[in-house]
Amino acid sequence: MATLLSSSTSSLLFSNLSPPSLSPISLSLSLSFSSSASLSSSISLSSLSKRLSLSSKRLSLSSFTVNAAAAASEKKKVLIVNTNSGGHAVIGFYFAKQLLGCGHDVTILTVGDESSDKMKKPPFSRFSHKKAQTDAGRKKPGPGIMLQEIVDGGGKTVWGDVGAIGTVLEGLTFDVVLDNNGKDLDAVRPVADWAKSSGVGQFLFISSAGIYKQTEEPPHVEGDAVKADAGHVAVEKYLSEVFDNWASFRPQYMIGSGNNKDCEEWFFDRKPVPIPGSGMQLTNISHVKDLSSMLTKAVENPTAASGNIFNCVSDRAVTLDGMAKLCAKAAGLPVEIVHYDPKTIGSDAKKAFPFRNMHFYAEPRAAKDILGWQSATNLPEDLKERFEEYVKIGRDKKAMTFDIDDKIIESLKVPVSV
């Protein structure tokens, strides 16, 4: 049985609605709350003809500035169906935190069992941890309660199987659903069909930039050819047929606290750093905060986002050698790189390096043009932050073996300094 946890604390703040230059104007604020807890708001200007000279040049409607909590579109109820494994799991965590910060109502449905070992690892361990609570009138500990970063921010968490999503979320309604779980239609269809039958107004899907075909003209941009047999492609097609308002987001590599798939950590772990080929291959590495901000833009601009595909990436590329150099600089260490031919290590080639051995990067043109989104990733600075956490959790002291690295270095006969 699913357990739903929530916070009852919520607030709405309007500030500086009456700047000094507009003091003669009477502002009336009308707020109406529906039973579904959605928020609508309107600001009306009253008695203008009596209290404001129309010939005055001091007032321009374009001069109004309203704080973000008031200016955002109506409060949305958002469901995030989050994967329980892989590098995309952290997207749901950051997206939830950003939505909550913007005043939206958020529920995360994590696929699987809350008591599984996976839930003890980031980012899920940051969704929740148990703490004993003493019941009133008792001396012994009562039922455990869930203290969660998401719940502390006003969100809700629930665990369950997407095949039984209607039962898991029985009685709940949502304006927006994000599927950050399925990689093919079999996994996404139960969520999509339930959302459609439940009257969900907007359906968002985390796809992958990996579905683009190789190109002689990088970067990948929205509209480029994709692999017809890719599972994500079938999902995008289905959503376009079922929903009036849908959008798909294609991320690439990402960094950020709570990521359970090595990216920058792979480089921090190693000296020397073995890189296939020339090291000049271009890729895209984004902070997950960029991805969540793009998704939030879509939630708050549903009409603009509707029917579009967005490369969910930062707007700067980095070379493979460049990534190694930036990681070394963030750690305050000299960089040491060795290049190798992947063919020399045979079947170990794919396991030897975390990125594709080719130019593989996309640009977020649609998000900039359609949503007015801007990237905030600053890789050199972000990597400094990531290295601080790397040291804080003690990974720099962890004993490690590098069997494939050793095989590569042996094949090159490269002397390694001790």
Protein backbone atom coordinates (compact mmCIF):
# COMPACT_ATOMS: atom_id res chain seq x y z
CA MET A 1 0.00 0.00 0.00
CA ALA A 2 1.36 3.40 -0.91
CA THR A 3 1.96 5.99 1.79
CA LEU A 4 1.54 9.63 0.87
CA LEU A 5 3.40 12.26 2.83
CA SER A 6 2.89 15.98 2.59
CA SER A 7 3.43 19.29 4.24
CA SER A 8 0.46 21.43 5.16
CA THR A 9 2.45 24.66 5.16
CA SER A 10 2.01 26.94 2.20
CA SER A 11 2.16 30.67 1.63
CA LEU A 12 1.67 33.26 -1.07
CA LEU A 13 3.58 36.51 -1.09
CA PHE A 14 2.84 39.63 -3.06
CA SER A 15 5.30 42.47 -2.64
CA ASN A 16 5.71 46.00 -3.94
CA LEU A 17 2.45 45.96 -5.86
CA SER A 18 2.05 49.68 -5.21
CA PRO A 19 5.32 51.49 -5.98
CA PRO A 20 5.49 55.10 -4.78
CA SER A 21 4.95 56.50 -8.25
CA LEU A 22 1.63 54.61 -8.46
CA SER A 23 0.31 55.61 -5.07
CA PRO A 24 -2.79 57.39 -6.44
CA ILE A 25 -4.01 54.12 -7.94
CA SER A 26 -6.26 51.86 -5.95
CA LEU A 27 -5.15 48.25 -6.36
CA SER A 28 -7.55 45.49 -5.44
CA LEU A 29 -6.39 41.89 -5.32
CA SER A 30 -8.86 39.14 -5.90
CA LEU A 31 -7.93 35.59 -4.93
CA SER A 32 -10.17 32.61 -5.47
CA PHE A 33 -9.45 29.07 -4.36
CA SER A 34 -11.15 26.05 -5.86
CA SER A 35 -11.72 22.73 -4.17
CA SER A 36 -8.86 21.30 -6.21
CA ALA A 37 -6.52 23.72 -4.48
CA SER A 38 -5.59 25.53 -7.68
CA LEU A 39 -4.96 29.24 -7.43
CA SER A 40 -6.20 31.92 -9.70
CA SER A 41 -5.43 35.56 -9.21
CA SER A 42 -6.20 38.85 -10.80
CA ILE A 43 -5.15 42.41 -10.19
CA SER A 44 -7.70 45.08 -11.00
CA LEU A 45 -7.26 48.82 -11.22
CA SER A 46 -10.33 50.61 -9.89
CA SER A 47 -11.64 54.15 -10.16
CA LEU A 48 -8.99 55.11 -12.66
CA SER A 49 -11.16 57.76 -14.23
CA LYS A 50 -11.68 59.49 -10.89
CA ARG A 51 -8.23 59.12 -9.39
CA LEU A 52 -5.80 59.22 -12.27
CA SER A 53 -5.30 61.78 -14.95
CA LEU A 54 -5.27 59.99 -18.27
CA SER A 55 -2.90 62.61 -19.65
CA SER A 56 -0.27 61.67 -17.09
CA LYS A 57 2.91 60.28 -18.55
CA ARG A 58 3.93 58.73 -15.25
CA LEU A 59 2.00 55.50 -15.64
CA SER A 60 2.79 52.76 -18.11
CA LEU A 61 1.33 49.28 -17.75
CA SER A 62 4.64 47.91 -18.95
CA SER A 63 6.30 49.41 -15.86
CA PHE A 64 4.54 46.99 -13.51
CA THR A 65 6.88 44.57 -11.74
CA VAL A 66 5.41 41.77 -9.68
CA ASN A 67 7.46 39.34 -7.65
CA ALA A 68 7.87 35.84 -9.05
CA ALA A 69 5.39 34.20 -6.70
CA ALA A 70 2.66 36.55 -7.94
CA ALA A 71 3.71 36.75 -11.57
CA ALA A 72 3.83 33.02 -12.24
CA SER A 73 0.92 31.43 -13.98
CA GLU A 74 -1.66 29.78 -11.78
CA LYS A 75 -0.45 27.30 -9.22
CA LYS A 76 -0.21 23.86 -10.82
CA LYS A 77 -0.51 20.41 -9.32
CA VAL A 78 2.38 18.45 -10.80
CA LEU A 79 3.07 14.72 -10.66
CA ILE A 80 6.63 13.53 -11.30
CA VAL A 81 6.89 9.83 -12.13
CA ASN A 82 10.53 9.21 -11.27
CA THR A 83 12.82 6.35 -12.21
CA ASN A 84 14.50 4.41 -9.42
CA SER A 85 17.82 4.00 -11.22
CA GLY A 86 20.15 5.56 -13.76
CA GLY A 87 21.48 9.05 -14.32
CA HIS A 88 18.07 10.61 -14.98
CA ALA A 89 16.78 9.97 -11.44
CA VAL A 90 18.25 13.21 -10.13
CA ILE A 91 16.22 15.26 -12.64
CA GLY A 92 13.02 14.57 -10.74
CA PHE A 93 14.57 15.68 -7.46
CA TYR A 94 15.78 19.05 -8.80
CA PHE A 95 12.59 19.62 -10.80
CA ALA A 96 10.48 19.05 -7.69
CA LYS A 97 12.54 21.46 -5.62
CA GLN A 98 12.35 24.16 -8.28
CA LEU A 99 8.59 23.77 -8.75
CA LEU A 100 8.05 23.99 -5.00
CA GLY A 101 10.18 27.12 -4.90
CA CYS A 102 7.88 28.64 -7.53
CA GLY A 103 4.77 27.88 -5.48
CA HIS A 104 3.48 24.81 -7.31
CA ASP A 105 2.08 21.67 -5.69
CA VAL A 106 4.33 18.63 -6.28
CA THR A 107 3.97 14.89 -5.83
CA ILE A 108 6.80 12.49 -6.68
CA LEU A 109 5.87 8.90 -7.49
CA THR A 110 9.10 6.90 -7.34
CA VAL A 111 8.84 3.57 -9.11
CA GLY A 112 9.46 0.62 -6.81
CA ASP A 113 9.43 -0.11 -3.10
CA GLU A 114 10.27 2.51 -0.51
CA SER A 115 12.10 -0.05 1.62
CA SER A 116 14.43 -1.25 -1.15
CA ASP A 117 18.19 -0.76 -0.94
CA LYS A 118 18.03 1.66 -3.88
CA MET A 119 16.15 4.13 -1.71
CA LYS A 120 19.12 4.31 0.66
CA LYS A 121 21.27 5.91 -2.06
CA PRO A 122 21.23 9.42 -3.57
CA PRO A 123 19.11 11.02 -4.78
CA PHE A 124 16.42 8.87 -3.10
CA SER A 125 18.03 9.10 0.33
CA ARG A 126 17.41 12.83 0.02
CA PHE A 127 13.74 12.23 -0.70
CA SER A 128 13.37 10.61 2.70
CA HIS A 129 14.88 9.19 5.83
CA LYS A 130 13.10 7.72 8.83
CA LYS A 131 13.06 9.14 12.29
CA ALA A 132 11.25 7.76 15.32
CA GLN A 133 8.49 9.87 16.74
CA THR A 134 7.16 9.50 20.27
CA ASP A 135 3.39 9.35 20.29
CA ALA A 136 1.60 11.62 22.71
CA GLY A 137 0.95 9.82 25.99
CA ARG A 138 3.50 7.05 25.24
CA LYS A 139 7.01 6.49 26.49
CA LYS A 140 8.16 4.19 23.73
CA PRO A 141 8.72 5.31 20.13
CA GLY A 142 5.63 5.38 17.98
CA PRO A 143 5.34 4.92 14.23
CA GLY A 144 8.24 6.25 12.19
CA ILE A 145 7.66 9.37 10.16
CA MET A 146 9.27 10.43 6.91
CA LEU A 147 11.35 13.57 6.99
CA GLN A 148 12.08 14.59 3.43
CA GLU A 149 13.72 17.46 1.63
CA ILE A 150 10.81 17.37 -0.77
CA VAL A 151 8.21 17.23 2.00
CA ASP A 152 10.01 19.94 3.96
CA GLY A 153 9.52 22.13 0.91
CA GLY A 154 5.80 21.37 0.83
CA GLY A 155 5.82 18.41 -1.53
CA LYS A 156 4.54 14.86 -1.32
CA THR A 157 6.17 11.51 -1.99
CA VAL A 158 4.74 8.12 -2.85
CA TRP A 159 6.15 4.80 -4.08
CA GLY A 160 4.56 2.23 -6.32
CA ASP A 161 4.28 0.45 -9.67
CA VAL A 162 3.33 2.46 -12.76
CA GLY A 163 1.22 -0.49 -13.86
CA ALA A 164 -1.03 0.24 -10.88
CA ILE A 165 -0.75 4.03 -11.03
CA GLY A 166 -4.51 4.50 -10.80
CA THR A 167 -4.58 2.63 -7.51
CA VAL A 168 -1.42 4.23 -6.13
CA LEU A 169 -2.78 7.73 -6.77
CA GLU A 170 -6.45 7.01 -6.22
CA GLY A 171 -8.41 10.16 -5.47
CA LEU A 172 -5.64 12.55 -6.56
CA THR A 173 -5.80 14.89 -9.54
CA PHE A 174 -3.05 16.71 -11.40
CA ASP A 175 -2.67 19.47 -13.95
CA VAL A 176 0.73 18.29 -15.22
CA VAL A 177 2.49 14.93 -15.36
CA LEU A 178 6.20 14.44 -16.05
CA ASP A 179 7.31 10.91 -16.93
CA ASN A 180 10.96 10.68 -15.91
CA ASN A 181 10.89 6.90 -15.84
CA GLY A 182 10.03 5.12 -19.08
CA LYS A 183 12.41 4.55 -21.95
CA ASP A 184 9.90 2.83 -24.21
CA LEU A 185 6.19 2.79 -24.88
CA ASP A 186 5.51 -0.25 -22.71
CA ALA A 187 6.78 1.67 -19.68
CA VAL A 188 5.21 5.04 -20.50
CA ARG A 189 1.83 3.99 -21.90
CA PRO A 190 0.27 3.10 -18.50
CA VAL A 191 1.16 6.55 -17.18
CA ALA A 192 0.09 8.35 -20.34
CA ASP A 193 -3.22 6.50 -20.59
CA TRP A 194 -4.01 7.10 -16.93
CA ALA A 195 -3.11 10.79 -17.30
CA LYS A 196 -5.35 11.15 -20.35
CA SER A 197 -8.30 9.45 -18.67
CA SER A 198 -7.77 11.55 -15.53
CA GLY A 199 -8.00 14.84 -17.40
CA VAL A 200 -4.34 15.86 -17.04
CA GLY A 201 -3.84 19.01 -19.08
CA GLN A 202 -0.12 18.74 -19.89
CA PHE A 203 2.14 15.70 -20.29
CA LEU A 204 5.92 16.08 -20.26
CA PHE A 205 8.42 13.33 -21.07
CA ILE A 206 12.14 12.92 -20.39
CA SER A 207 13.54 11.46 -23.59
CA SER A 208 17.23 11.34 -24.57
CA ALA A 209 19.59 13.15 -26.93
CA GLY A 210 21.04 9.70 -27.56
CA ILE A 211 18.26 9.03 -30.07
CA TYR A 212 19.80 11.39 -32.65
CA LYS A 213 21.53 9.77 -35.58
CA GLN A 214 25.20 10.56 -36.05
CA THR A 215 25.71 13.73 -38.02
CA GLU A 216 28.46 15.32 -40.06
CA GLU A 217 27.19 18.72 -38.93
CA PRO A 218 27.19 18.86 -35.14
CA PRO A 219 25.63 20.01 -32.90
CA HIS A 220 22.34 18.13 -32.78
CA VAL A 221 19.38 20.51 -32.97
CA GLU A 222 15.68 19.87 -32.64
CA GLY A 223 14.38 18.44 -35.91
CA ASP A 224 17.53 16.47 -36.73
CA ALA A 225 17.09 12.85 -37.81
CA VAL A 226 16.52 10.31 -35.03
CA LYS A 227 16.82 6.53 -34.82
CA ALA A 228 13.41 5.24 -35.88
CA ASP A 229 13.70 2.12 -33.72
CA ALA A 230 14.57 3.97 -30.50
CA GLY A 231 12.08 3.45 -27.69
CA HIS A 232 11.97 7.16 -26.84
CA VAL A 233 10.95 7.96 -30.42
CA ALA A 234 7.92 5.66 -30.18
CA VAL A 235 6.92 7.38 -26.94
CA GLU A 236 7.16 10.84 -28.47
CA LYS A 237 5.01 9.74 -31.38
CA TYR A 238 2.38 8.25 -29.06
CA LEU A 239 2.20 11.35 -26.91
CA SER A 240 1.73 13.54 -29.97
CA GLU A 241 -1.27 11.40 -30.96
CA VAL A 242 -2.88 11.21 -27.51
CA PHE A 243 -2.38 14.62 -25.90
CA ASP A 244 -3.38 18.09 -27.02
CA ASN A 245 -0.60 19.52 -24.85
CA TRP A 246 2.64 17.58 -24.58
CA ALA A 247 6.38 18.21 -24.80
CA SER A 248 9.50 16.07 -24.83
CA PHE A 249 12.91 16.88 -23.36
CA ARG A 250 16.15 15.28 -24.55
CA PRO A 251 18.95 15.51 -21.96
CA GLN A 252 22.55 14.46 -22.40
CA TYR A 253 25.22 14.16 -19.69
CA MET A 254 24.64 15.95 -16.40
CA ILE A 255 26.30 16.81 -13.12
CA GLY A 256 24.80 17.77 -9.78
CA SER A 257 24.57 16.77 -6.16
CA GLY A 258 22.68 13.50 -5.73
CA ASN A 259 23.45 12.09 -9.16
CA ASN A 260 23.81 8.32 -8.83
CA LYS A 261 25.71 7.88 -12.08
CA ASP A 262 29.36 8.89 -12.23
CA CYS A 263 30.23 11.80 -14.47
CA GLU A 264 32.68 14.28 -12.97
CA GLU A 265 33.52 11.74 -10.25
CA TRP A 266 35.06 9.46 -12.87
CA PHE A 267 37.62 12.17 -13.63
CA PHE A 268 38.21 13.08 -9.98
CA ASP A 269 38.98 9.41 -9.23
CA ARG A 270 41.82 9.06 -11.71
CA LYS A 271 45.41 10.06 -12.34
CA PRO A 272 46.38 9.67 -15.08
CA VAL A 273 43.08 10.05 -16.95
CA PRO A 274 42.82 7.68 -19.94
CA ILE A 275 40.87 9.27 -22.79
CA PRO A 276 40.09 7.52 -26.07
CA GLY A 277 41.15 9.04 -29.37
CA SER A 278 42.47 12.56 -29.66
CA GLY A 279 40.54 13.98 -26.72
CA MET A 280 39.17 16.74 -28.93
CA GLN A 281 35.74 15.11 -29.25
CA LEU A 282 33.01 17.56 -28.23
CA THR A 283 30.26 16.73 -25.78
CA ASN A 284 27.73 18.54 -23.59
CA ILE A 285 27.70 18.38 -19.80
CA SER A 286 24.98 20.33 -18.00
CA HIS A 287 24.22 21.03 -14.39
CA VAL A 288 20.93 19.37 -13.57
CA LYS A 289 19.63 22.74 -12.33
CA ASP A 290 19.58 23.81 -15.98
CA LEU A 291 17.39 20.87 -16.89
CA SER A 292 14.94 21.54 -14.08
CA SER A 293 14.68 25.23 -14.93
CA MET A 294 13.80 24.36 -18.53
CA LEU A 295 11.11 21.95 -17.39
CA THR A 296 9.71 24.58 -15.04
CA LYS A 297 9.53 27.04 -17.93
CA ALA A 298 7.37 24.53 -19.81
CA VAL A 299 5.03 24.09 -16.85
CA GLU A 300 4.59 27.84 -16.54
CA ASN A 301 4.29 28.39 -20.30
CA PRO A 302 2.21 25.39 -21.38
CA THR A 303 0.84 26.93 -24.56
CA ALA A 304 4.30 27.83 -25.84
CA ALA A 305 5.74 24.44 -24.89
CA SER A 306 2.91 22.42 -26.41
CA GLY A 307 3.85 20.01 -29.17
CA ASN A 308 7.56 20.80 -29.02
CA ILE A 309 10.75 18.83 -28.52
CA PHE A 310 13.52 20.47 -26.51
CA ASN A 311 17.18 19.56 -26.22
CA CYS A 312 17.48 19.66 -22.44
CA VAL A 313 21.12 20.69 -22.26
CA SER A 314 23.34 23.67 -21.48
CA ASP A 315 24.51 25.94 -24.26
CA ARG A 316 28.25 25.21 -24.15
CA ALA A 317 30.21 22.23 -25.45
CA VAL A 318 33.37 20.86 -23.85
CA THR A 319 36.09 18.59 -25.23
CA LEU A 320 36.90 15.33 -23.50
CA ASP A 321 40.40 16.61 -22.72
CA GLY A 322 38.80 19.85 -21.57
CA MET A 323 36.64 18.00 -19.07
CA ALA A 324 39.71 16.28 -17.63
CA LYS A 325 41.52 19.61 -17.36
CA LEU A 326 38.57 21.37 -15.73
CA CYS A 327 38.17 18.57 -13.19
CA ALA A 328 41.87 18.70 -12.32
CA LYS A 329 41.69 22.47 -11.94
CA ALA A 330 38.63 22.17 -9.69
CA ALA A 331 40.58 19.73 -7.51
CA GLY A 332 43.63 21.98 -7.45
CA LEU A 333 45.78 19.30 -9.08
CA PRO A 334 47.89 19.11 -12.23
CA VAL A 335 46.22 17.24 -15.05
CA GLU A 336 47.72 14.06 -16.48
CA ILE A 337 46.07 12.63 -19.60
CA VAL A 338 46.94 9.58 -21.69
CA HIS A 339 45.27 8.92 -25.04
CA TYR A 340 44.63 5.45 -26.37
CA ASP A 341 43.04 3.61 -29.25
CA PRO A 342 39.89 1.89 -27.94
CA LYS A 343 40.47 -0.99 -30.34
CA THR A 344 43.50 -2.05 -28.32
CA ILE A 345 41.37 -3.04 -25.33
CA GLY A 346 38.66 -4.92 -27.24
CA SER A 347 35.41 -5.60 -25.42
CA ASP A 348 36.39 -3.38 -22.50
CA ALA A 349 36.24 -0.24 -24.65
CA LYS A 350 32.67 0.73 -23.70
CA LYS A 351 33.32 0.20 -20.01
CA ALA A 352 36.59 2.11 -20.09
CA PHE A 353 35.13 5.61 -20.54
CA PRO A 354 31.85 7.20 -19.39
CA PHE A 355 31.15 9.23 -22.56
CA ARG A 356 30.78 8.43 -26.23
CA ASN A 357 34.02 8.33 -28.20
CA MET A 358 32.76 10.79 -30.83
CA HIS A 359 31.40 14.31 -31.23
CA PHE A 360 28.15 14.09 -29.31
CA TYR A 361 26.56 17.31 -28.24
CA ALA A 362 23.27 19.10 -28.67
CA GLU A 363 22.20 22.72 -28.45
CA PRO A 364 19.09 24.05 -26.63
CA ARG A 365 17.85 26.24 -29.48
CA ALA A 366 14.14 25.50 -29.08
CA ALA A 367 14.12 26.26 -25.35
CA LYS A 368 15.77 29.61 -25.93
CA ASP A 369 13.56 30.58 -28.85
CA ILE A 370 10.22 29.22 -27.62
CA LEU A 371 10.43 29.36 -23.82
CA GLY A 372 12.85 32.24 -23.37
CA TRP A 373 15.05 29.92 -21.30
CA GLN A 374 18.68 30.72 -20.49
CA SER A 375 21.40 28.34 -19.35
CA ALA A 376 23.02 28.88 -15.95
CA THR A 377 25.63 26.09 -16.19
CA ASN A 378 29.14 27.37 -15.47
CA LEU A 379 31.18 24.21 -15.75
CA PRO A 380 34.44 25.45 -14.16
CA GLU A 381 32.59 26.80 -11.11
CA ASP A 382 30.11 23.93 -10.93
CA LEU A 383 32.97 21.43 -10.87
CA LYS A 384 34.55 23.22 -7.91
CA GLU A 385 31.30 22.73 -6.03
CA ARG A 386 31.16 19.10 -7.09
CA PHE A 387 34.74 18.46 -5.91
CA GLU A 388 33.95 19.96 -2.51
CA GLU A 389 31.15 17.41 -2.09
CA TYR A 390 33.40 14.65 -3.45
CA VAL A 391 35.84 15.34 -0.61
CA LYS A 392 33.08 15.91 1.95
CA ILE A 393 31.64 12.43 1.43
CA GLY A 394 35.12 10.91 1.67
CA ARG A 395 35.33 9.52 -1.83
CA ASP A 396 38.84 10.92 -2.22
CA LYS A 397 39.92 8.52 0.56
CA LYS A 398 38.07 5.50 -0.82
CA ALA A 399 40.19 2.54 -1.90
CA MET A 400 39.69 1.88 -5.62
CA THR A 401 41.01 -0.42 -8.28
CA PHE A 402 41.36 0.52 -11.94
CA ASP A 403 41.82 -2.74 -13.78
CA ILE A 404 40.80 -1.44 -17.20
CA ASP A 405 42.90 1.71 -16.75
CA ASP A 406 45.86 -0.47 -15.90
CA LYS A 407 45.25 -2.51 -19.03
CA ILE A 408 45.17 0.65 -21.14
CA ILE A 409 48.35 2.06 -19.62
CA GLU A 410 50.12 -1.27 -20.00
CA SER A 411 49.17 -1.36 -23.68
CA LEU A 412 50.73 2.08 -24.14
CA LYS A 413 53.81 1.30 -22.05
CA VAL A 414 53.31 4.65 -20.37
CA PRO A 415 55.41 5.24 -17.26
CA VAL A 416 53.22 6.44 -14.43
CA SER A 417 54.63 8.67 -11.72
CA VAL A 418 54.19 7.38 -8.19
